[in-house]
Amino acid sequence: MNRRLTVLNDTMSMKDWLRKHPEVRTIRVAAADLNGQARGKRIPARFAENVVKNGTRFPFSVLNLDIWGEDIDDSPLVFEQGDQDGVLKPTERGFMPMPWLEAPTALLPIWMFRENGLPYDGDPRHALRAVVDRYKARGLTPVCAMELEFFLIDDSGKTMQVPASPRSGKRRKAAETLSIRALDAFDTFFTDLYDACEAMDIPADTTTSETGLGQFEMNLMHCDDPLRAADDAWLFKMLVKGLARRHGFAASFMAKPYAEYSGSGLHTHFSVIDKDGDNIFDSGGPKGTAALRQAVAGCLHAMHDSTLIFAPHQNSYDRLVPGKHAPTAIAWGYENRTAAIRIPAGSPSARRVEHRVAGGDVNPYLMLATILGAALVGIEDEMEPPSPITGNAYALDLPQIPANWAEAIDAFENSTIMPRILPPDLIHNLVLTKRQELHYLAELSPEEQVELYLDTV
C-alpha cells in the first residue's frame, strides 16, 4: 500500500511539474543502456501525461545495443525472442529541464520492466537497485559521492586541441593542474554549467583543472541514495557534453583522448551507515573498522574480474598504464593515490573508501552496482584484505588489473564472483555486446576510434 501511495504521489508531482512549466514544448523519455547511452523518444508536451500514467514501450534489445547503436548479432533478445517490448516507467527522479537545448524541453528518466510488472534484469539501473536492496535488508545504507573528470576539446579541425579561451582567444597548450587561470579562461561555460546543474538538481560542488590538456574535474556531493547518485552522474555527463556543444566546443569523458597526457577517471567515494545513522567504517581513529577492511577486501577480490565495468571500451586501457595517475595494481592503502583503493584521511566520522579504477567512460549505474556489490560480498563473507601498501604501487610486485580489453572480457565472462553482484542475464548481454565491439573496433584506425568515443562515452 505504501508503495502504491508513493507511486501515486510521484505521478501527481510529475503532472504538477508539467503544469508549472507551460513553456515546455517537447519532452524526452530516456533510459540508460549497457554502455550508459540514453535511449528513448521525443514526445510533444501535450501527450506527456500519458507517459507519466502509462509509461512507454520499446524492445528489451534497445538496452543491449553496441556503441554504434546497432543490434547485437547473436543476442537472444532480437530474433530468437521476437524482439519483444519492455514497459518503461518514469523513475522517481521525475521531469527536469534540458538546459543545453535551444527550445524549452524536459527530460523524463525511465527504466524498464516486464509486462508482468517485474523489473527487467538487463536494465543497469535495476542492477544497482538490486544491490541497494541487499544493503537495506541488512539495515544498511551506502553513502556515495563521485568525482568526474572530462576534457574540453576543439574537434573542429583534423587534430584535436584545447579550445581557445572565450575570454582571451588564446589556447593554453599545456596541463595546468589546479590552475585558477584555466578555470577563469572558461568562466562563462562553468557558470552556465553550475546554473544548469542547479536547474536539474545535480549537486555540483568543487571544480578544478587537472593534469591533462583542457582537463577538468567536478565533484558531486555525497548522497545517501545510490540510485540518485548514479542518476546524478549519468545526467551530469549528458549535460556537460550537450552544454559544451552549445558553447562551440566538445566535452568528452573518454578515458584517454591524448596519448601524451593522463586520462579521465570517475572516482567513487563511499561509506555505509546503519539504521541509527552511524558510519560503520568509523573506528574513532584513522584505520577504520573491521567492516571497512571487509569492504576493501571485497572490492579487491572482485577487481580483476570486474575491470570490464570500470574500463568498458578499447580506449579505456590506454588510461590504465603506470605513472599516469591511474591504478594498474590490485592494492589498497591509506592516503595513497597510486593504489586502486584509497582510504582518505580526515575525521573518523567521515571514514570512507575511494575506488579509483573507473574511467570517465563508464556506465555510472553498472560501476556503482559493482563497487557496492563487491564491498557487500566482502562484508557478507567477512573477508580480510592483504596489508595496505605504502609508497609507489607502480614500483611494487603486485597483482595487476587486466592490461587489455580482450583479457577483461574473458575475466568478466568466466568470473565466479560477478554473478553474486550483477544479474546473469545482464552479464551475458554485456559480454555479447563487448565481443561485438571488440570485433568491429579492430577495423578502425586510431583516429576513427577517437572520433567514435569522443561524443558517445
Protein backbone atom coordinates (compact mmCIF):
# COMPACT_ATOMS: atom_id res chain seq x y z
CA MET A 1 0.00 0.00 0.00
CA ASN A 2 2.80 2.41 0.89
CA ARG A 3 4.50 1.70 -2.43
CA ARG A 4 1.24 2.42 -4.30
CA LEU A 5 0.88 5.73 -2.45
CA THR A 6 4.48 6.62 -3.30
CA VAL A 7 3.88 5.91 -6.99
CA LEU A 8 0.66 7.95 -6.89
CA ASN A 9 2.42 10.89 -5.23
CA ASP A 10 5.28 10.71 -7.74
CA THR A 11 2.77 10.71 -10.62
CA MET A 12 0.94 13.74 -9.22
CA SER A 13 4.25 15.55 -8.69
CA MET A 14 5.27 14.95 -12.29
CA LYS A 15 1.94 16.24 -13.59
CA ASP A 16 2.28 19.31 -11.36
CA TRP A 17 5.75 19.96 -12.82
CA LEU A 18 4.33 19.98 -16.33
CA ARG A 19 1.56 22.39 -15.35
CA LYS A 20 4.09 24.74 -13.74
CA HIS A 21 6.21 24.76 -16.91
CA PRO A 22 3.81 25.55 -19.76
CA GLU A 23 6.78 26.81 -21.81
CA VAL A 24 7.98 23.21 -22.32
CA ARG A 25 7.08 22.18 -25.86
CA THR A 26 8.55 18.68 -26.05
CA ILE A 27 9.85 16.04 -23.68
CA ARG A 28 12.46 13.32 -23.99
CA VAL A 29 11.95 10.00 -22.23
CA ALA A 30 15.26 8.17 -21.83
CA ALA A 31 16.80 5.11 -20.17
CA ALA A 32 20.46 4.13 -19.89
CA ASP A 33 21.59 1.18 -22.00
CA LEU A 34 24.51 -1.07 -21.01
CA ASN A 35 27.00 1.45 -22.39
CA GLY A 36 25.30 4.28 -20.50
CA GLN A 37 23.86 5.74 -23.69
CA ALA A 38 20.49 7.49 -23.40
CA ARG A 39 17.89 5.55 -25.40
CA GLY A 40 14.35 6.82 -25.75
CA LYS A 41 11.84 9.00 -27.55
CA ARG A 42 10.79 12.60 -28.27
CA ILE A 43 7.16 13.32 -27.37
CA PRO A 44 5.07 16.52 -27.66
CA ALA A 45 4.43 18.00 -24.23
CA ARG A 46 0.63 17.75 -24.64
CA PHE A 47 0.94 13.93 -24.62
CA ALA A 48 3.38 13.79 -21.70
CA GLU A 49 0.76 12.96 -19.06
CA ASN A 50 0.02 9.72 -20.87
CA VAL A 51 3.66 8.67 -20.45
CA VAL A 52 3.57 9.61 -16.78
CA LYS A 53 0.46 7.49 -16.25
CA ASN A 54 1.10 4.51 -18.54
CA GLY A 55 4.78 4.60 -19.37
CA THR A 56 6.08 3.86 -22.84
CA ARG A 57 7.35 0.80 -24.68
CA PHE A 58 10.35 -0.25 -26.71
CA PRO A 59 12.21 -3.53 -27.23
CA PHE A 60 14.31 -5.11 -24.49
CA SER A 61 17.11 -5.25 -27.05
CA VAL A 62 17.37 -1.44 -27.09
CA LEU A 63 19.15 -1.55 -23.72
CA ASN A 64 21.63 -4.01 -25.23
CA LEU A 65 22.86 -2.14 -28.31
CA ASP A 66 26.53 -1.72 -29.14
CA ILE A 67 28.39 1.60 -29.01
CA TRP A 68 27.24 2.42 -32.57
CA GLY A 69 23.58 1.80 -31.63
CA GLU A 70 23.42 -1.48 -33.60
CA ASP A 71 21.73 -4.74 -32.59
CA ILE A 72 23.95 -7.44 -31.12
CA ASP A 73 24.29 -10.05 -33.86
CA ASP A 74 23.78 -13.16 -31.72
CA SER A 75 21.67 -11.68 -28.95
CA PRO A 76 18.70 -13.86 -27.94
CA LEU A 77 16.76 -10.64 -27.31
CA VAL A 78 16.39 -9.88 -31.00
CA PHE A 79 15.17 -12.61 -33.37
CA GLU A 80 15.22 -15.61 -31.02
CA GLN A 81 12.67 -13.98 -28.69
CA GLY A 82 10.86 -11.97 -31.37
CA ASP A 83 12.35 -8.64 -30.27
CA GLN A 84 9.71 -8.24 -27.56
CA ASP A 85 8.80 -4.93 -25.96
CA GLY A 86 9.51 -3.95 -22.40
CA VAL A 87 7.44 -1.43 -20.45
CA LEU A 88 9.36 1.70 -19.43
CA LYS A 89 8.11 3.70 -16.48
CA PRO A 90 9.29 7.01 -15.05
CA THR A 91 11.90 6.79 -12.31
CA GLU A 92 11.33 8.64 -9.06
CA ARG A 93 13.53 11.46 -10.42
CA GLY A 94 10.69 12.96 -12.45
CA PHE A 95 10.89 15.77 -15.02
CA MET A 96 13.81 18.17 -15.31
CA PRO A 97 14.83 20.81 -17.87
CA MET A 98 17.40 20.16 -20.61
CA PRO A 99 19.33 23.47 -20.50
CA TRP A 100 21.64 22.59 -23.39
CA LEU A 101 18.81 22.66 -25.94
CA GLU A 102 17.51 25.84 -27.59
CA ALA A 103 13.78 25.10 -27.28
CA PRO A 104 12.31 24.64 -23.77
CA THR A 105 12.46 20.87 -23.29
CA ALA A 106 12.06 18.46 -20.38
CA LEU A 107 13.74 15.12 -19.74
CA LEU A 108 11.93 12.27 -18.02
CA PRO A 109 14.26 9.41 -16.97
CA ILE A 110 12.68 5.97 -17.31
CA TRP A 111 13.61 2.37 -16.55
CA MET A 112 12.44 -0.95 -17.92
CA PHE A 113 10.01 -3.53 -16.57
CA ARG A 114 8.49 -6.73 -17.90
CA GLU A 115 4.84 -6.97 -18.88
CA ASN A 116 4.02 -8.56 -15.50
CA GLY A 117 5.49 -5.57 -13.65
CA LEU A 118 8.74 -7.23 -12.58
CA PRO A 119 11.98 -5.31 -13.13
CA TYR A 120 13.93 -6.18 -16.27
CA ASP A 121 17.28 -7.59 -15.15
CA GLY A 122 19.05 -6.26 -18.23
CA ASP A 123 18.44 -2.64 -17.16
CA PRO A 124 21.58 -1.27 -15.46
CA ARG A 125 19.57 0.92 -13.10
CA HIS A 126 17.71 -2.15 -11.83
CA ALA A 127 21.06 -3.89 -11.30
CA LEU A 128 22.04 -1.09 -8.92
CA ARG A 129 18.62 -1.15 -7.24
CA ALA A 130 19.03 -4.88 -6.53
CA VAL A 131 22.38 -4.27 -4.80
CA VAL A 132 20.91 -1.41 -2.75
CA ASP A 133 18.01 -3.66 -1.71
CA ARG A 134 20.53 -6.16 -0.32
CA TYR A 135 22.06 -3.42 1.82
CA LYS A 136 18.60 -2.38 3.01
CA ALA A 137 17.84 -5.96 4.03
CA ARG A 138 20.79 -5.73 6.42
CA GLY A 139 19.67 -2.34 7.77
CA LEU A 140 22.47 -0.56 5.90
CA THR A 141 22.59 2.41 3.54
CA PRO A 142 25.55 3.28 1.29
CA VAL A 143 26.53 6.95 1.08
CA CYS A 144 28.23 7.81 -2.21
CA ALA A 145 29.98 10.70 -3.90
CA MET A 146 31.65 10.89 -7.31
CA GLU A 147 34.43 12.89 -8.92
CA LEU A 148 34.09 13.17 -12.70
CA GLU A 149 36.96 14.21 -14.94
CA PHE A 150 36.41 15.39 -18.52
CA PHE A 151 38.19 17.20 -21.34
CA LEU A 152 37.11 20.33 -23.19
CA ILE A 153 38.19 19.83 -26.81
CA ASP A 154 38.13 21.76 -30.07
CA ASP A 155 37.42 18.98 -32.57
CA SER A 156 36.57 21.26 -35.49
CA GLY A 157 39.84 20.54 -37.33
CA LYS A 158 41.79 17.44 -38.28
CA THR A 159 43.66 17.46 -34.96
CA MET A 160 42.06 17.74 -31.54
CA GLN A 161 43.24 20.62 -29.40
CA VAL A 162 42.23 22.59 -26.35
CA PRO A 163 39.56 25.19 -27.22
CA ALA A 164 40.50 28.84 -27.42
CA SER A 165 39.52 30.72 -24.29
CA PRO A 166 36.35 32.78 -24.91
CA ARG A 167 37.99 35.48 -22.75
CA SER A 168 41.42 35.79 -24.38
CA GLY A 169 41.08 33.91 -27.67
CA LYS A 170 44.27 32.02 -26.75
CA ARG A 171 44.90 28.29 -26.40
CA ARG A 172 46.86 27.06 -23.37
CA LYS A 173 48.74 24.10 -24.85
CA ALA A 174 49.89 22.63 -21.56
CA ALA A 175 48.39 20.97 -18.50
CA GLU A 176 47.53 23.42 -15.73
CA THR A 177 46.91 21.46 -12.56
CA LEU A 178 44.65 23.27 -10.06
CA SER A 179 45.01 26.47 -12.07
CA ILE A 180 42.62 29.32 -11.35
CA ARG A 181 43.67 30.82 -14.68
CA ALA A 182 42.50 27.68 -16.53
CA LEU A 183 39.14 27.81 -14.77
CA ASP A 184 38.69 31.51 -15.44
CA ALA A 185 39.51 31.01 -19.12
CA PHE A 186 36.20 29.12 -19.42
CA ASP A 187 34.27 31.06 -16.80
CA THR A 188 31.18 31.52 -19.00
CA PHE A 189 30.94 27.79 -19.64
CA PHE A 190 31.36 26.83 -15.99
CA THR A 191 28.91 29.50 -14.83
CA ASP A 192 26.32 28.13 -17.23
CA LEU A 193 27.18 24.58 -16.12
CA TYR A 194 26.58 25.36 -12.44
CA ASP A 195 23.30 27.10 -13.31
CA ALA A 196 22.23 24.09 -15.35
CA CYS A 197 23.15 21.67 -12.55
CA GLU A 198 21.03 23.74 -10.18
CA ALA A 199 18.10 23.60 -12.60
CA MET A 200 18.46 19.82 -12.95
CA ASP A 201 19.04 19.31 -9.20
CA ILE A 202 22.50 17.84 -9.74
CA PRO A 203 24.61 18.56 -6.61
CA ALA A 204 27.67 20.04 -8.34
CA ASP A 205 30.33 21.12 -5.87
CA THR A 206 34.02 21.88 -6.46
CA THR A 207 35.64 22.24 -9.89
CA THR A 208 39.39 22.02 -10.52
CA SER A 209 41.65 21.98 -13.55
CA GLU A 210 43.54 18.70 -13.91
CA THR A 211 46.75 17.24 -15.33
CA GLY A 212 45.51 16.74 -18.90
CA LEU A 213 45.26 19.23 -21.76
CA GLY A 214 41.98 21.13 -21.23
CA GLN A 215 41.02 18.67 -18.50
CA PHE A 216 38.76 19.50 -15.55
CA GLU A 217 37.14 17.69 -12.65
CA MET A 218 33.85 18.40 -10.95
CA ASN A 219 32.82 16.77 -7.68
CA LEU A 220 29.24 15.77 -6.95
CA MET A 221 28.21 15.98 -3.30
CA HIS A 222 27.71 12.82 -1.28
CA CYS A 223 24.24 11.30 -1.24
CA ASP A 224 22.63 8.57 0.88
CA ASP A 225 20.67 7.27 -2.12
CA PRO A 226 22.96 5.35 -4.52
CA LEU A 227 20.34 5.37 -7.27
CA ARG A 228 20.19 9.13 -7.12
CA ALA A 229 23.99 9.38 -7.02
CA ALA A 230 24.22 7.28 -10.21
CA ASP A 231 21.40 9.35 -11.77
CA ASP A 232 23.37 12.49 -10.99
CA ALA A 233 26.50 11.16 -12.70
CA TRP A 234 24.58 9.93 -15.76
CA LEU A 235 22.69 13.21 -16.12
CA PHE A 236 25.84 15.25 -15.49
CA LYS A 237 27.69 13.55 -18.34
CA MET A 238 24.75 14.22 -20.66
CA LEU A 239 24.57 17.84 -19.56
CA VAL A 240 28.31 18.60 -19.87
CA LYS A 241 28.51 17.18 -23.39
CA GLY A 242 25.37 18.97 -24.55
CA LEU A 243 26.25 22.31 -22.96
CA ALA A 244 29.79 22.29 -24.34
CA ARG A 245 28.44 21.94 -27.88
CA ARG A 246 26.21 24.94 -27.23
CA HIS A 247 29.38 26.86 -26.33
CA GLY A 248 31.08 25.84 -29.57
CA PHE A 249 33.38 23.02 -28.47
CA ALA A 250 33.21 19.41 -27.32
CA ALA A 251 33.33 17.90 -23.84
CA SER A 252 34.42 14.30 -23.62
CA PHE A 253 34.53 11.71 -20.86
CA MET A 254 36.53 9.25 -22.96
CA ALA A 255 39.27 7.70 -20.88
CA LYS A 256 42.28 8.81 -22.92
CA PRO A 257 41.82 11.32 -25.76
CA TYR A 258 45.52 12.39 -25.76
CA ALA A 259 48.24 9.75 -25.69
CA GLU A 260 50.78 12.04 -24.03
CA TYR A 261 48.56 13.19 -21.13
CA SER A 262 46.82 11.45 -18.25
CA GLY A 263 43.29 10.23 -18.89
CA SER A 264 39.96 10.89 -17.17
CA GLY A 265 38.75 8.92 -14.19
CA LEU A 266 35.49 8.66 -12.32
CA HIS A 267 36.47 8.17 -8.70
CA THR A 268 33.82 6.96 -6.26
CA HIS A 269 33.84 7.58 -2.50
CA PHE A 270 31.52 5.54 -0.31
CA SER A 271 30.77 4.81 3.30
CA VAL A 272 27.94 2.80 4.84
CA ILE A 273 25.59 3.90 7.61
CA ASP A 274 23.50 1.69 9.86
CA LYS A 275 19.87 2.12 10.89
CA ASP A 276 20.93 4.61 13.57
CA GLY A 277 22.77 6.77 11.06
CA ASP A 278 26.24 5.77 12.27
CA ASN A 279 29.10 5.17 9.83
CA ILE A 280 30.07 1.50 10.16
CA PHE A 281 33.59 2.34 8.88
CA ASP A 282 34.24 4.75 11.77
CA SER A 283 36.51 3.25 14.44
CA GLY A 284 37.16 6.57 16.12
CA GLY A 285 40.68 6.53 14.69
CA PRO A 286 42.49 6.69 11.33
CA LYS A 287 42.45 2.99 10.46
CA GLY A 288 38.72 2.26 10.28
CA THR A 289 36.74 -0.75 11.41
CA ALA A 290 36.67 -4.43 10.52
CA ALA A 291 33.71 -3.61 8.24
CA LEU A 292 35.88 -1.15 6.31
CA ARG A 293 38.59 -3.80 5.83
CA GLN A 294 35.95 -6.31 4.73
CA ALA A 295 34.53 -3.87 2.18
CA VAL A 296 38.04 -3.18 0.87
CA ALA A 297 38.72 -6.92 0.67
CA GLY A 298 35.55 -7.47 -1.36
CA CYS A 299 36.46 -4.70 -3.79
CA LEU A 300 39.97 -6.11 -4.23
CA HIS A 301 38.67 -9.67 -4.62
CA ALA A 302 36.32 -8.63 -7.43
CA MET A 303 38.63 -6.10 -9.09
CA HIS A 304 40.30 -8.32 -11.70
CA ASP A 305 37.03 -9.87 -12.87
CA SER A 306 35.09 -6.59 -12.79
CA THR A 307 37.60 -4.48 -14.72
CA LEU A 308 35.34 -4.58 -17.79
CA ILE A 309 32.82 -2.48 -15.85
CA PHE A 310 35.46 0.10 -14.91
CA ALA A 311 37.17 0.05 -18.31
CA PRO A 312 34.39 -0.84 -20.78
CA HIS A 313 35.97 0.34 -24.06
CA GLN A 314 39.14 -0.25 -26.02
CA ASN A 315 40.36 3.28 -25.31
CA SER A 316 39.89 2.65 -21.58
CA TYR A 317 43.08 0.58 -21.41
CA ASP A 318 45.22 3.42 -22.74
CA ARG A 319 44.48 5.15 -19.43
CA LEU A 320 45.44 2.21 -17.21
CA VAL A 321 49.21 2.49 -17.61
CA PRO A 322 51.91 3.06 -14.96
CA GLY A 323 52.81 6.57 -13.95
CA LYS A 324 49.75 8.31 -15.41
CA HIS A 325 47.66 8.83 -12.27
CA ALA A 326 45.51 5.74 -12.90
CA PRO A 327 45.87 2.48 -10.95
CA THR A 328 47.30 -0.65 -12.54
CA ALA A 329 47.79 -2.85 -9.45
CA ILE A 330 45.17 -4.51 -7.27
CA ALA A 331 46.08 -2.95 -3.94
CA TRP A 332 44.90 -0.59 -1.23
CA GLY A 333 46.48 1.98 1.02
CA TYR A 334 45.86 4.87 3.37
CA GLU A 335 46.18 8.27 1.65
CA ASN A 336 47.86 6.65 -1.36
CA ARG A 337 46.69 7.72 -4.82
CA THR A 338 48.84 5.13 -6.61
CA ALA A 339 46.64 2.38 -5.13
CA ALA A 340 43.38 1.22 -6.69
CA ILE A 341 41.63 1.60 -3.33
CA ARG A 342 42.50 4.63 -1.21
CA ILE A 343 41.35 5.33 2.34
CA PRO A 344 41.34 9.14 2.65
CA ALA A 345 42.46 10.84 5.84
CA GLY A 346 40.18 13.16 7.78
CA SER A 347 37.58 12.98 10.51
CA PRO A 348 36.85 9.40 11.68
CA SER A 349 33.12 10.06 11.32
CA ALA A 350 33.73 10.60 7.58
CA ARG A 351 35.86 7.46 7.15
CA ARG A 352 35.25 6.11 3.66
CA VAL A 353 36.62 4.11 0.75
CA GLU A 354 37.74 5.73 -2.51
CA HIS A 355 37.58 3.41 -5.53
CA ARG A 356 39.92 4.84 -8.21
CA VAL A 357 39.82 2.34 -11.10
CA ALA A 358 36.90 3.56 -13.23
CA GLY A 359 37.43 5.84 -16.20
CA GLY A 360 35.15 8.69 -17.13
CA ASP A 361 33.72 6.49 -19.91
CA VAL A 362 31.82 4.10 -17.62
CA ASN A 363 28.13 3.47 -17.17
CA PRO A 364 27.60 5.01 -13.68
CA TYR A 365 24.85 2.53 -12.77
CA LEU A 366 26.93 -0.57 -13.51
CA MET A 367 30.01 1.00 -11.94
CA LEU A 368 28.27 1.80 -8.66
CA ALA A 369 26.43 -1.55 -8.60
CA THR A 370 29.76 -3.34 -8.98
CA ILE A 371 31.64 -1.32 -6.36
CA LEU A 372 28.88 -1.55 -3.76
CA GLY A 373 28.11 -5.16 -4.65
CA ALA A 374 31.75 -6.20 -4.27
CA ALA A 375 32.02 -4.36 -0.94
CA LEU A 376 28.88 -6.13 0.29
CA VAL A 377 30.29 -9.55 -0.68
CA GLY A 378 33.35 -8.70 1.40
CA ILE A 379 31.16 -7.75 4.37
CA GLU A 380 28.92 -10.81 3.98
CA ASP A 381 31.89 -13.20 3.77
CA GLU A 382 33.92 -11.33 6.42
CA MET A 383 36.86 -11.17 4.03
CA GLU A 384 40.23 -9.88 5.18
CA PRO A 385 42.33 -7.78 2.78
CA PRO A 386 46.09 -8.04 2.31
CA SER A 387 48.21 -5.50 4.14
CA PRO A 388 47.85 -1.92 2.87
CA ILE A 389 50.72 -0.78 0.71
CA THR A 390 52.96 2.21 1.29
CA GLY A 391 54.91 4.06 -1.34
CA ASN A 392 54.63 3.79 -5.13
CA ALA A 393 52.27 0.99 -6.23
CA TYR A 394 53.70 1.13 -9.76
CA ALA A 395 57.11 0.03 -8.42
CA LEU A 396 55.82 -2.89 -6.31
CA ASP A 397 55.30 -6.53 -7.27
CA LEU A 398 51.50 -6.70 -7.03
CA PRO A 399 48.58 -8.46 -8.76
CA GLN A 400 47.61 -6.49 -11.85
CA ILE A 401 44.39 -5.23 -13.38
CA PRO A 402 43.81 -6.76 -16.86
CA ALA A 403 46.02 -4.93 -19.32
CA ASN A 404 43.73 -5.09 -22.34
CA TRP A 405 40.09 -5.24 -23.36
CA ALA A 406 40.04 -8.87 -24.53
CA GLU A 407 41.55 -10.10 -21.26
CA ALA A 408 38.99 -8.10 -19.28
CA ILE A 409 36.08 -9.51 -21.30
CA ASP A 410 37.31 -13.06 -20.69
CA ALA A 411 37.76 -12.45 -16.96
CA PHE A 412 34.28 -10.93 -16.67
CA GLU A 413 32.63 -13.76 -18.61
CA ASN A 414 34.30 -16.55 -16.63
CA SER A 415 34.07 -14.95 -13.21
CA THR A 416 32.57 -16.74 -10.23
CA ILE A 417 32.10 -13.57 -8.17
CA MET A 418 30.34 -11.36 -10.74
CA PRO A 419 27.09 -13.44 -10.60
CA ARG A 420 26.95 -12.51 -6.90
CA ILE A 421 26.95 -8.84 -7.90
CA LEU A 422 25.14 -8.49 -11.24
CA PRO A 423 22.24 -10.47 -12.80
CA PRO A 424 23.39 -13.39 -15.00
CA ASP A 425 21.37 -12.16 -18.00
CA LEU A 426 23.00 -8.74 -17.79
CA ILE A 427 26.45 -10.34 -17.60
CA HIS A 428 25.67 -12.42 -20.70
CA ASN A 429 24.27 -9.45 -22.61
CA LEU A 430 27.27 -7.27 -21.77
CA VAL A 431 29.74 -9.95 -22.86
CA LEU A 432 27.97 -10.29 -26.22
CA THR A 433 28.00 -6.51 -26.62
CA LYS A 434 31.69 -6.16 -25.84
CA ARG A 435 32.75 -9.06 -28.05
CA GLN A 436 30.90 -7.50 -30.97
CA GLU A 437 32.52 -4.13 -30.31
CA LEU A 438 35.94 -5.76 -29.98
CA HIS A 439 35.49 -7.37 -33.39
CA TYR A 440 34.43 -4.23 -35.25
CA LEU A 441 36.80 -1.84 -33.45
CA ALA A 442 39.68 -3.82 -34.95
CA GLU A 443 38.63 -2.45 -38.36
CA LEU A 444 39.01 1.19 -37.28
CA SER A 445 42.12 3.35 -37.30
CA PRO A 446 43.15 5.07 -34.03
CA GLU A 447 41.74 8.34 -35.39
CA GLU A 448 38.41 6.69 -36.19
CA GLN A 449 38.27 5.17 -32.72
CA VAL A 450 38.78 8.59 -31.11
CA GLU A 451 36.04 10.03 -33.33
CA LEU A 452 33.71 7.20 -32.21
CA TYR A 453 34.32 7.59 -28.50
CA LEU A 454 34.64 11.38 -28.29
CA ASP A 455 30.92 12.14 -28.11
CA THR A 456 29.46 8.77 -27.17
CA VAL A 457 31.03 7.75 -23.86
